[in-house]
C-alpha atoms as a PDB file:
ATOM      1  CA  UNK A   1      54.626  -4.092   0.759  1.00  0.00           C
ATOM      2  CA  UNK A   2      51.117  -2.610   0.716  1.00  0.00           C
ATOM      3  CA  UNK A   3      48.797  -3.210   3.637  1.00  0.00           C
ATOM      4  CA  UNK A   4      46.300  -6.012   3.187  1.00  0.00           C
ATOM      5  CA  UNK A   5      42.773  -4.767   3.788  1.00  0.00           C
ATOM      6  CA  UNK A   6      40.780  -7.192   5.883  1.00  0.00           C
ATOM      7  CA  UNK A   7      37.082  -7.720   6.302  1.00  0.00           C
ATOM      8  CA  UNK A   8      35.648  -5.519   9.031  1.00  0.00           C
ATOM      9  CA  UNK A   9      37.864  -2.529   8.258  1.00  0.00           C
ATOM     10  CA  UNK A  10      35.821   0.606   7.606  1.00  0.00           C
ATOM     11  CA  UNK A  11      36.734   3.411   5.223  1.00  0.00           C
ATOM     12  CA  UNK A  12      36.165   5.876   8.080  1.00  0.00           C
ATOM     13  CA  UNK A  13      38.928   4.238  10.118  1.00  0.00           C
ATOM     14  CA  UNK A  14      41.380   3.880   7.241  1.00  0.00           C
ATOM     15  CA  UNK A  15      41.116   7.318   5.652  1.00  0.00           C
ATOM     16  CA  UNK A  16      41.433  10.755   7.210  1.00  0.00           C
ATOM     17  CA  UNK A  17      39.617  12.212   4.200  1.00  0.00           C
ATOM     18  CA  UNK A  18      36.669   9.905   4.891  1.00  0.00           C
ATOM     19  CA  UNK A  19      36.540  11.193   8.479  1.00  0.00           C
ATOM     20  CA  UNK A  20      36.462  14.766   7.212  1.00  0.00           C
ATOM     21  CA  UNK A  21      33.471  14.206   4.939  1.00  0.00           C
ATOM     22  CA  UNK A  22      30.509  16.062   6.523  1.00  0.00           C
ATOM     23  CA  UNK A  23      32.366  16.333   9.828  1.00  0.00           C
ATOM     24  CA  UNK A  24      30.358  18.112  12.545  1.00  0.00           C
ATOM     25  CA  UNK A  25      31.958  19.511  15.699  1.00  0.00           C
ATOM     26  CA  UNK A  26      30.699  17.694  18.786  1.00  0.00           C
ATOM     27  CA  UNK A  27      29.068  14.876  16.823  1.00  0.00           C
ATOM     28  CA  UNK A  28      30.887  11.637  16.020  1.00  0.00           C
ATOM     29  CA  UNK A  29      28.711   9.283  13.927  1.00  0.00           C
ATOM     30  CA  UNK A  30      31.245   6.494  14.491  1.00  0.00           C
ATOM     31  CA  UNK A  31      29.890   6.188  18.040  1.00  0.00           C
ATOM     32  CA  UNK A  32      26.419   5.279  16.753  1.00  0.00           C
ATOM     33  CA  UNK A  33      27.378   2.348  14.533  1.00  0.00           C
ATOM     34  CA  UNK A  34      25.623  -0.962  15.089  1.00  0.00           C
ATOM     35  CA  UNK A  35      26.436  -4.449  13.891  1.00  0.00           C
ATOM     36  CA  UNK A  36      23.511  -6.375  12.431  1.00  0.00           C
ATOM     37  CA  UNK A  37      23.479 -10.126  12.045  1.00  0.00           C
ATOM     38  CA  UNK A  38      22.064 -11.349   8.740  1.00  0.00           C
ATOM     39  CA  UNK A  39      19.991 -14.471   8.276  1.00  0.00           C
ATOM     40  CA  UNK A  40      22.805 -16.236   6.413  1.00  0.00           C
ATOM     41  CA  UNK A  41      25.123 -15.917   9.403  1.00  0.00           C
ATOM     42  CA  UNK A  42      27.099 -12.955   8.094  1.00  0.00           C
ATOM     43  CA  UNK A  43      27.036  -9.534   9.717  1.00  0.00           C
ATOM     44  CA  UNK A  44      27.222  -5.930   8.541  1.00  0.00           C
ATOM     45  CA  UNK A  45      27.966  -2.619  10.204  1.00  0.00           C
ATOM     46  CA  UNK A  46      25.352   0.061   9.702  1.00  0.00           C
ATOM     47  CA  UNK A  47      24.216   3.462  10.866  1.00  0.00           C
ATOM     48  CA  UNK A  48      20.563   3.747  11.880  1.00  0.00           C
ATOM     49  CA  UNK A  49      18.530   5.956   9.558  1.00  0.00           C
ATOM     50  CA  UNK A  50      17.424   8.129  12.474  1.00  0.00           C
ATOM     51  CA  UNK A  51      21.086   8.924  13.144  1.00  0.00           C
ATOM     52  CA  UNK A  52      21.696   9.614   9.448  1.00  0.00           C
ATOM     53  CA  UNK A  53      18.858  12.160   9.477  1.00  0.00           C
ATOM     54  CA  UNK A  54      20.193  13.818  12.622  1.00  0.00           C
ATOM     55  CA  UNK A  55      23.673  14.011  11.121  1.00  0.00           C
ATOM     56  CA  UNK A  56      22.308  15.526   7.915  1.00  0.00           C
ATOM     57  CA  UNK A  57      20.348  18.250   9.702  1.00  0.00           C
ATOM     58  CA  UNK A  58      23.300  19.084  11.942  1.00  0.00           C
ATOM     59  CA  UNK A  59      25.586  19.521   8.930  1.00  0.00           C
ATOM     60  CA  UNK A  60      23.300  21.027   6.272  1.00  0.00           C
ATOM     61  CA  UNK A  61      21.502  24.051   7.703  1.00  0.00           C
ATOM     62  CA  UNK A  62      19.081  24.598   4.818  1.00  0.00           C
ATOM     63  CA  UNK A  63      18.913  20.999   3.668  1.00  0.00           C
ATOM     64  CA  UNK A  64      15.721  19.071   3.141  1.00  0.00           C
ATOM     65  CA  UNK A  65      14.570  15.557   2.292  1.00  0.00           C
ATOM     66  CA  UNK A  66      11.565  14.883   0.077  1.00  0.00           C
ATOM     67  CA  UNK A  67       9.896  11.519  -0.454  1.00  0.00           C
ATOM     68  CA  UNK A  68       7.372  10.282  -3.008  1.00  0.00           C
ATOM     69  CA  UNK A  69       5.533   6.971  -3.503  1.00  0.00           C
ATOM     70  CA  UNK A  70       6.176   5.221  -6.810  1.00  0.00           C
ATOM     71  CA  UNK A  71       3.876   2.287  -6.208  1.00  0.00           C
ATOM     72  CA  UNK A  72       1.545   1.422  -3.342  1.00  0.00           C
ATOM     73  CA  UNK A  73      -0.299  -1.890  -3.504  1.00  0.00           C
ATOM     74  CA  UNK A  74      -1.937  -4.135  -0.931  1.00  0.00           C
ATOM     75  CA  UNK A  75       1.230  -6.059  -0.215  1.00  0.00           C
ATOM     76  CA  UNK A  76       4.127  -3.796  -1.164  1.00  0.00           C
ATOM     77  CA  UNK A  77       5.234  -0.207  -1.627  1.00  0.00           C
ATOM     78  CA  UNK A  78       8.013   1.525  -3.559  1.00  0.00           C
ATOM     79  CA  UNK A  79       9.282   4.947  -2.515  1.00  0.00           C
ATOM     80  CA  UNK A  80      11.932   7.377  -3.657  1.00  0.00           C
ATOM     81  CA  UNK A  81      13.716  10.016  -1.594  1.00  0.00           C
ATOM     82  CA  UNK A  82      15.554  13.122  -2.745  1.00  0.00           C
ATOM     83  CA  UNK A  83      18.171  15.036  -0.775  1.00  0.00           C
ATOM     84  CA  UNK A  84      18.681  18.780  -1.232  1.00  0.00           C
ATOM     85  CA  UNK A  85      21.512  20.774   0.339  1.00  0.00           C
ATOM     86  CA  UNK A  86      19.916  24.210  -0.063  1.00  0.00           C
ATOM     87  CA  UNK A  87      16.745  26.013  -1.080  1.00  0.00           C
ATOM     88  CA  UNK A  88      17.313  25.417  -4.783  1.00  0.00           C
ATOM     89  CA  UNK A  89      15.764  22.539  -6.700  1.00  0.00           C
ATOM     90  CA  UNK A  90      19.128  20.911  -7.422  1.00  0.00           C
ATOM     91  CA  UNK A  91      19.030  17.322  -6.173  1.00  0.00           C
ATOM     92  CA  UNK A  92      22.166  16.152  -4.366  1.00  0.00           C
ATOM     93  CA  UNK A  93      21.253  12.475  -4.233  1.00  0.00           C
ATOM     94  CA  UNK A  94      18.332  10.075  -4.605  1.00  0.00           C
ATOM     95  CA  UNK A  95      17.460   6.705  -3.151  1.00  0.00           C
ATOM     96  CA  UNK A  96      14.806   4.071  -3.823  1.00  0.00           C
ATOM     97  CA  UNK A  97      13.382   1.291  -1.669  1.00  0.00           C
ATOM     98  CA  UNK A  98      10.645  -1.301  -1.870  1.00  0.00           C
ATOM     99  CA  UNK A  99       9.099  -3.108   1.059  1.00  0.00           C
ATOM    100  CA  UNK A 100       6.650  -6.021   1.232  1.00  0.00           C
ATOM    101  CA  UNK A 101       4.072  -6.951   3.837  1.00  0.00           C
ATOM    102  CA  UNK A 102       5.149  -9.723   6.229  1.00  0.00           C
ATOM    103  CA  UNK A 103       3.850 -11.474   9.324  1.00  0.00           C
ATOM    104  CA  UNK A 104       6.349  -9.676  11.555  1.00  0.00           C
ATOM    105  CA  UNK A 105       4.335  -8.591  14.655  1.00  0.00           C
ATOM    106  CA  UNK A 106       6.167  -5.283  15.004  1.00  0.00           C
ATOM    107  CA  UNK A 107       6.676  -3.899  11.505  1.00  0.00           C
ATOM    108  CA  UNK A 108       5.284  -6.449   9.088  1.00  0.00           C
ATOM    109  CA  UNK A 109       2.224  -4.409   8.179  1.00  0.00           C
ATOM    110  CA  UNK A 110       3.970  -1.045   8.209  1.00  0.00           C
ATOM    111  CA  UNK A 111       5.449  -1.694   4.777  1.00  0.00           C
ATOM    112  CA  UNK A 112       4.490   1.734   3.407  1.00  0.00           C
ATOM    113  CA  UNK A 113       6.237   3.609   6.203  1.00  0.00           C
ATOM    114  CA  UNK A 114       9.241   1.269   6.065  1.00  0.00           C
ATOM    115  CA  UNK A 115       9.691   1.709   2.307  1.00  0.00           C
ATOM    116  CA  UNK A 116       9.711   5.478   2.772  1.00  0.00           C
ATOM    117  CA  UNK A 117      12.214   5.249   5.647  1.00  0.00           C
ATOM    118  CA  UNK A 118      14.543   2.897   3.754  1.00  0.00           C
ATOM    119  CA  UNK A 119      14.492   5.237   0.736  1.00  0.00           C
ATOM    120  CA  UNK A 120      15.575   8.124   2.976  1.00  0.00           C
ATOM    121  CA  UNK A 121      18.432   6.039   4.337  1.00  0.00           C
ATOM    122  CA  UNK A 122      19.683   5.126   0.879  1.00  0.00           C
ATOM    123  CA  UNK A 123      19.480   8.728  -0.338  1.00  0.00           C
ATOM    124  CA  UNK A 124      21.409  10.001   2.686  1.00  0.00           C
ATOM    125  CA  UNK A 125      24.064   7.325   2.212  1.00  0.00           C
ATOM    126  CA  UNK A 126      24.445   8.420  -1.414  1.00  0.00           C
ATOM    127  CA  UNK A 127      24.787  12.009  -0.206  1.00  0.00           C
ATOM    128  CA  UNK A 128      27.717  11.009   2.017  1.00  0.00           C
ATOM    129  CA  UNK A 129      25.997  10.516   5.364  1.00  0.00           C
ATOM    130  CA  UNK A 130      26.933   6.904   5.973  1.00  0.00           C
ATOM    131  CA  UNK A 131      29.028   5.873   2.978  1.00  0.00           C
ATOM    132  CA  UNK A 132      32.129   6.507   5.113  1.00  0.00           C
ATOM    133  CA  UNK A 133      31.312   3.355   7.074  1.00  0.00           C
ATOM    134  CA  UNK A 134      31.420   0.875   4.213  1.00  0.00           C
ATOM    135  CA  UNK A 135      33.281  -2.324   5.044  1.00  0.00           C
ATOM    136  CA  UNK A 136      36.176  -2.226   2.576  1.00  0.00           C
ATOM    137  CA  UNK A 137      36.399  -6.012   2.216  1.00  0.00           C
ATOM    138  CA  UNK A 138      33.133  -7.201   3.742  1.00  0.00           C
ATOM    139  CA  UNK A 139      29.382  -7.079   3.229  1.00  0.00           C
ATOM    140  CA  UNK A 140      27.675  -3.713   2.900  1.00  0.00           C
ATOM    141  CA  UNK A 141      24.564  -4.440   0.859  1.00  0.00           C
ATOM    142  CA  UNK A 142      22.737  -7.624   1.865  1.00  0.00           C
ATOM    143  CA  UNK A 143      20.392  -9.295  -0.558  1.00  0.00           C
ATOM    144  CA  UNK A 144      16.689  -8.570   0.040  1.00  0.00           C
ATOM    145  CA  UNK A 145      16.177 -12.080   1.403  1.00  0.00           C
ATOM    146  CA  UNK A 146      18.898 -11.459   3.986  1.00  0.00           C
ATOM    147  CA  UNK A 147      17.331  -8.259   5.249  1.00  0.00           C
ATOM    148  CA  UNK A 148      13.921  -9.892   5.411  1.00  0.00           C
ATOM    149  CA  UNK A 149      11.643  -6.971   4.583  1.00  0.00           C
ATOM    150  CA  UNK A 150      13.560  -4.691   2.272  1.00  0.00           C
ATOM    151  CA  UNK A 151      14.575  -4.615  -1.363  1.00  0.00           C
ATOM    152  CA  UNK A 152      16.435  -1.505  -2.431  1.00  0.00           C
ATOM    153  CA  UNK A 153      18.265   0.085  -5.295  1.00  0.00           C
ATOM    154  CA  UNK A 154      19.658   3.609  -5.308  1.00  0.00           C
ATOM    155  CA  UNK A 155      21.511   6.148  -7.396  1.00  0.00           C
ATOM    156  CA  UNK A 156      22.519   9.779  -7.452  1.00  0.00           C
ATOM    157  CA  UNK A 157      20.709  11.998  -9.902  1.00  0.00           C
ATOM    158  CA  UNK A 158      20.099  15.621 -10.844  1.00  0.00           C
ATOM    159  CA  UNK A 159      16.649  14.905 -12.240  1.00  0.00           C
ATOM    160  CA  UNK A 160      13.389  14.498 -10.335  1.00  0.00           C
ATOM    161  CA  UNK A 161      10.757  11.957 -11.304  1.00  0.00           C
ATOM    162  CA  UNK A 162       7.007  11.705 -11.076  1.00  0.00           C
ATOM    163  CA  UNK A 163       5.976   8.524  -9.214  1.00  0.00           C
ATOM    164  CA  UNK A 164       3.533   6.008 -10.599  1.00  0.00           C
ATOM    165  CA  UNK A 165       1.168   4.305  -8.155  1.00  0.00           C
ATOM    166  CA  UNK A 166      -0.926   1.174  -8.539  1.00  0.00           C
ATOM    167  CA  UNK A 167      -3.402   0.930  -5.632  1.00  0.00           C
ATOM    168  CA  UNK A 168      -5.078  -2.208  -6.956  1.00  0.00           C
ATOM    169  CA  UNK A 169      -4.400  -5.604  -5.431  1.00  0.00           C
ATOM    170  CA  UNK A 170      -1.061  -6.967  -6.529  1.00  0.00           C
ATOM    171  CA  UNK A 171      -0.493 -10.390  -8.040  1.00  0.00           C
ATOM    172  CA  UNK A 172       1.721 -12.203  -5.543  1.00  0.00           C
ATOM    173  CA  UNK A 173       2.887 -14.603  -8.256  1.00  0.00           C
ATOM    174  CA  UNK A 174       4.220 -11.824 -10.469  1.00  0.00           C
ATOM    175  CA  UNK A 175       7.467 -11.182  -8.614  1.00  0.00           C
ATOM    176  CA  UNK A 176       9.551 -10.721 -11.745  1.00  0.00           C
ATOM    177  CA  UNK A 177       7.242  -7.979 -12.969  1.00  0.00           C
ATOM    178  CA  UNK A 178       7.530  -6.125  -9.625  1.00  0.00           C
ATOM    179  CA  UNK A 179      11.312  -6.347  -9.728  1.00  0.00           C
ATOM    180  CA  UNK A 180      11.328  -5.017 -13.265  1.00  0.00           C
ATOM    181  CA  UNK A 181       9.126  -2.074 -12.260  1.00  0.00           C
ATOM    182  CA  UNK A 182      11.448  -1.186  -9.390  1.00  0.00           C
ATOM    183  CA  UNK A 183      14.542  -1.337 -11.607  1.00  0.00           C
ATOM    184  CA  UNK A 184      13.083   0.819 -14.386  1.00  0.00           C
ATOM    185  CA  UNK A 185      11.641   3.595 -12.200  1.00  0.00           C
ATOM    186  CA  UNK A 186      14.915   5.490 -12.319  1.00  0.00           C
ATOM    187  CA  UNK A 187      14.823   5.639 -16.119  1.00  0.00           C
ATOM    188  CA  UNK A 188      11.331   7.143 -16.209  1.00  0.00           C
ATOM    189  CA  UNK A 189      11.384  10.931 -16.201  1.00  0.00           C
ATOM    190  CA  UNK A 190       7.969  12.230 -17.245  1.00  0.00           C
ATOM    191  CA  UNK A 191       7.171  15.942 -17.169  1.00  0.00           C
ATOM    192  CA  UNK A 192       6.347  17.111 -13.664  1.00  0.00           C
ATOM    193  CA  UNK A 193       2.736  18.118 -13.104  1.00  0.00           C
ATOM    194  CA  UNK A 194       2.109  21.387 -11.250  1.00  0.00           C
ATOM    195  CA  UNK A 195      -1.521  22.077 -10.242  1.00  0.00           C
ATOM    196  CA  UNK A 196      -2.991  25.482 -11.064  1.00  0.00           C
ATOM    197  CA  UNK A 197      -4.917  26.656  -8.009  1.00  0.00           C
ATOM    198  CA  UNK A 198      -6.810  29.176 -10.138  1.00  0.00           C
ATOM    199  CA  UNK A 199      -8.658  26.358 -11.923  1.00  0.00           C
ATOM    200  CA  UNK A 200     -12.073  25.236 -10.800  1.00  0.00           C
ATOM    201  CA  UNK A 201     -12.498  21.953  -8.956  1.00  0.00           C
ATOM    202  CA  UNK A 202     -13.841  20.286 -12.105  1.00  0.00           C
ATOM    203  CA  UNK A 203     -10.920  21.564 -14.189  1.00  0.00           C
ATOM    204  CA  UNK A 204      -8.396  20.323 -11.633  1.00  0.00           C
ATOM    205  CA  UNK A 205      -9.986  16.866 -11.605  1.00  0.00           C
ATOM    206  CA  UNK A 206      -9.855  16.744 -15.399  1.00  0.00           C
ATOM    207  CA  UNK A 207      -6.194  17.754 -15.600  1.00  0.00           C
ATOM    208  CA  UNK A 208      -4.659  16.026 -12.566  1.00  0.00           C
ATOM    209  CA  UNK A 209      -2.782  12.717 -13.166  1.00  0.00           C
ATOM    210  CA  UNK A 210      -3.558   9.839 -10.837  1.00  0.00           C
ATOM    211  CA  UNK A 211       0.148   9.661  -9.998  1.00  0.00           C
ATOM    212  CA  UNK A 212       0.107  13.182  -8.625  1.00  0.00           C
ATOM    213  CA  UNK A 213      -3.139  12.647  -6.703  1.00  0.00           C
ATOM    214  CA  UNK A 214      -1.604   9.783  -4.733  1.00  0.00           C
ATOM    215  CA  UNK A 215       1.184  12.068  -3.477  1.00  0.00           C
ATOM    216  CA  UNK A 216      -1.078  14.806  -2.093  1.00  0.00           C
ATOM    217  CA  UNK A 217      -0.594  15.081   1.684  1.00  0.00           C
ATOM    218  CA  UNK A 218      -3.702  15.135   3.857  1.00  0.00           C
ATOM    219  CA  UNK A 219      -3.735  18.170   6.150  1.00  0.00           C
ATOM    220  CA  UNK A 220      -7.103  17.805   7.876  1.00  0.00           C
ATOM    221  CA  UNK A 221      -8.861  15.138   9.917  1.00  0.00           C
ATOM    222  CA  UNK A 222      -7.492  12.281  11.989  1.00  0.00           C
ATOM    223  CA  UNK A 223      -5.502  10.919   9.020  1.00  0.00           C
ATOM    224  CA  UNK A 224      -3.525  14.145   8.593  1.00  0.00           C
ATOM    225  CA  UNK A 225       0.096  13.427   7.713  1.00  0.00           C
ATOM    226  CA  UNK A 226      -0.654  10.577   5.335  1.00  0.00           C
ATOM    227  CA  UNK A 227      -0.933  10.846   1.566  1.00  0.00           C
ATOM    228  CA  UNK A 228      -4.082  10.150  -0.413  1.00  0.00           C
ATOM    229  CA  UNK A 229      -2.317   7.136  -1.895  1.00  0.00           C
ATOM    230  CA  UNK A 230      -1.737   5.663   1.545  1.00  0.00           C
ATOM    231  CA  UNK A 231      -5.324   6.291   2.604  1.00  0.00           C
ATOM    232  CA  UNK A 232      -6.649   4.710  -0.593  1.00  0.00           C
ATOM    233  CA  UNK A 233      -4.917   1.496   0.493  1.00  0.00           C
ATOM    234  CA  UNK A 234      -5.303   1.578   4.267  1.00  0.00           C
ATOM    235  CA  UNK A 235      -8.708   3.265   4.710  1.00  0.00           C
ATOM    236  CA  UNK A 236     -10.326   3.759   1.288  1.00  0.00           C
ATOM    237  CA  UNK A 237     -13.739   4.410   2.874  1.00  0.00           C
ATOM    238  CA  UNK A 238     -12.320   7.579   4.428  1.00  0.00           C
ATOM    239  CA  UNK A 239     -11.853   9.200   1.008  1.00  0.00           C
ATOM    240  CA  UNK A 240     -15.520  10.168   0.892  1.00  0.00           C
ATOM    241  CA  UNK A 241     -14.967  12.430   3.900  1.00  0.00           C
ATOM    242  CA  UNK A 242     -12.803  14.760   1.802  1.00  0.00           C
ATOM    243  CA  UNK A 243     -15.494  14.917  -0.890  1.00  0.00           C
ATOM    244  CA  UNK A 244     -18.424  15.690   1.417  1.00  0.00           C
ATOM    245  CA  UNK A 245     -16.807  18.305   3.673  1.00  0.00           C
ATOM    246  CA  UNK A 246     -16.927  21.958   2.594  1.00  0.00           C
ATOM    247  CA  UNK A 247     -13.765  23.136   4.363  1.00  0.00           C
ATOM    248  CA  UNK A 248     -11.412  20.775   2.515  1.00  0.00           C
ATOM    249  CA  UNK A 249      -8.611  22.391   0.428  1.00  0.00           C
ATOM    250  CA  UNK A 250      -9.475  22.363  -3.276  1.00  0.00           C
ATOM    251  CA  UNK A 251      -6.318  20.472  -4.307  1.00  0.00           C
ATOM    252  CA  UNK A 252      -7.007  17.766  -1.716  1.00  0.00           C
ATOM    253  CA  UNK A 253     -10.632  17.449  -2.784  1.00  0.00           C
ATOM    254  CA  UNK A 254      -9.650  17.279  -6.463  1.00  0.00           C
ATOM    255  CA  UNK A 255      -7.041  14.597  -5.793  1.00  0.00           C
ATOM    256  CA  UNK A 256      -9.587  12.547  -3.863  1.00  0.00           C
ATOM    257  CA  UNK A 257     -12.049  12.737  -6.752  1.00  0.00           C
ATOM    258  CA  UNK A 258      -9.319  11.698  -9.207  1.00  0.00           C
ATOM    259  CA  UNK A 259      -8.570   8.568  -7.165  1.00  0.00           C
ATOM    260  CA  UNK A 260     -12.263   7.729  -6.797  1.00  0.00           C
ATOM    261  CA  UNK A 261     -12.774   8.144 -10.548  1.00  0.00           C
ATOM    262  CA  UNK A 262      -9.802   5.864 -11.232  1.00  0.00           C
ATOM    263  CA  UNK A 263     -11.157   3.236  -8.817  1.00  0.00           C
ATOM    264  CA  UNK A 264     -14.603   3.361 -10.450  1.00  0.00           C
ATOM    265  CA  UNK A 265     -13.026   2.998 -13.889  1.00  0.00           C
ATOM    266  CA  UNK A 266     -11.100  -0.094 -12.796  1.00  0.00           C
ATOM    267  CA  UNK A 267     -14.223  -1.660 -11.315  1.00  0.00           C
ATOM    268  CA  UNK A 268     -16.195  -0.969 -14.482  1.00  0.00           C
ATOM    269  CA  UNK A 269     -13.462  -2.520 -16.589  1.00  0.00           C
ATOM    270  CA  UNK A 270     -13.236  -5.583 -14.342  1.00  0.00           C
ATOM    271  CA  UNK A 271     -17.006  -6.017 -14.214  1.00  0.00           C
END
């Protein structure tokens, strides 16, 4: 008679092959599992994303994780993450996550950062750094309402995508439209834009898509580490700094001008 699998039993504990997946000498991810209680009274076992990232870097010497915003609005953000196992451009796995602003005193207004972090977690799970701990008969993927601040969908893919970003104020009553956007992102695969540094500033501004401009990382000033898309939402007045300063990288200055032009065009259309 076959064994009856019960709720709470993890694939890692039932299968030796699952234990061997991405095994690292001296590191046992099973020891870092946590049980989270959901709002509906159920619970789920999970591995913190910080531990997933540590596990990945311990196992994959030349691996890297890349993230990109797909939509950043005043009350929500959608991010994707891609996992690479080597220096090539072959994607091992992808993950997507959306996060909405809440009144939570700790993380409620960090929805951009949370969406990016959740996307990384989903991508790493798809790559095999966490999927071993699925509850064979229980709950592994809570509904967004159960998790409180996260709505995610994920898939593995060999194709990259160019994000689309909407910095304007979102319509809080248009939830169905937001859900539809999140579900169709994976199907969109436009040609990837690559800036030509030999072009003049004016030529770069004319050729650069708004979607690409939002992804450009800021490398100077006190907002270094953020993307132009994030700054356009959190501190839009700071964009003028990158226009006025002479020592700003040309790509960064061009991206800033693209976003300012797009904002002016929206205002003109609305007015």
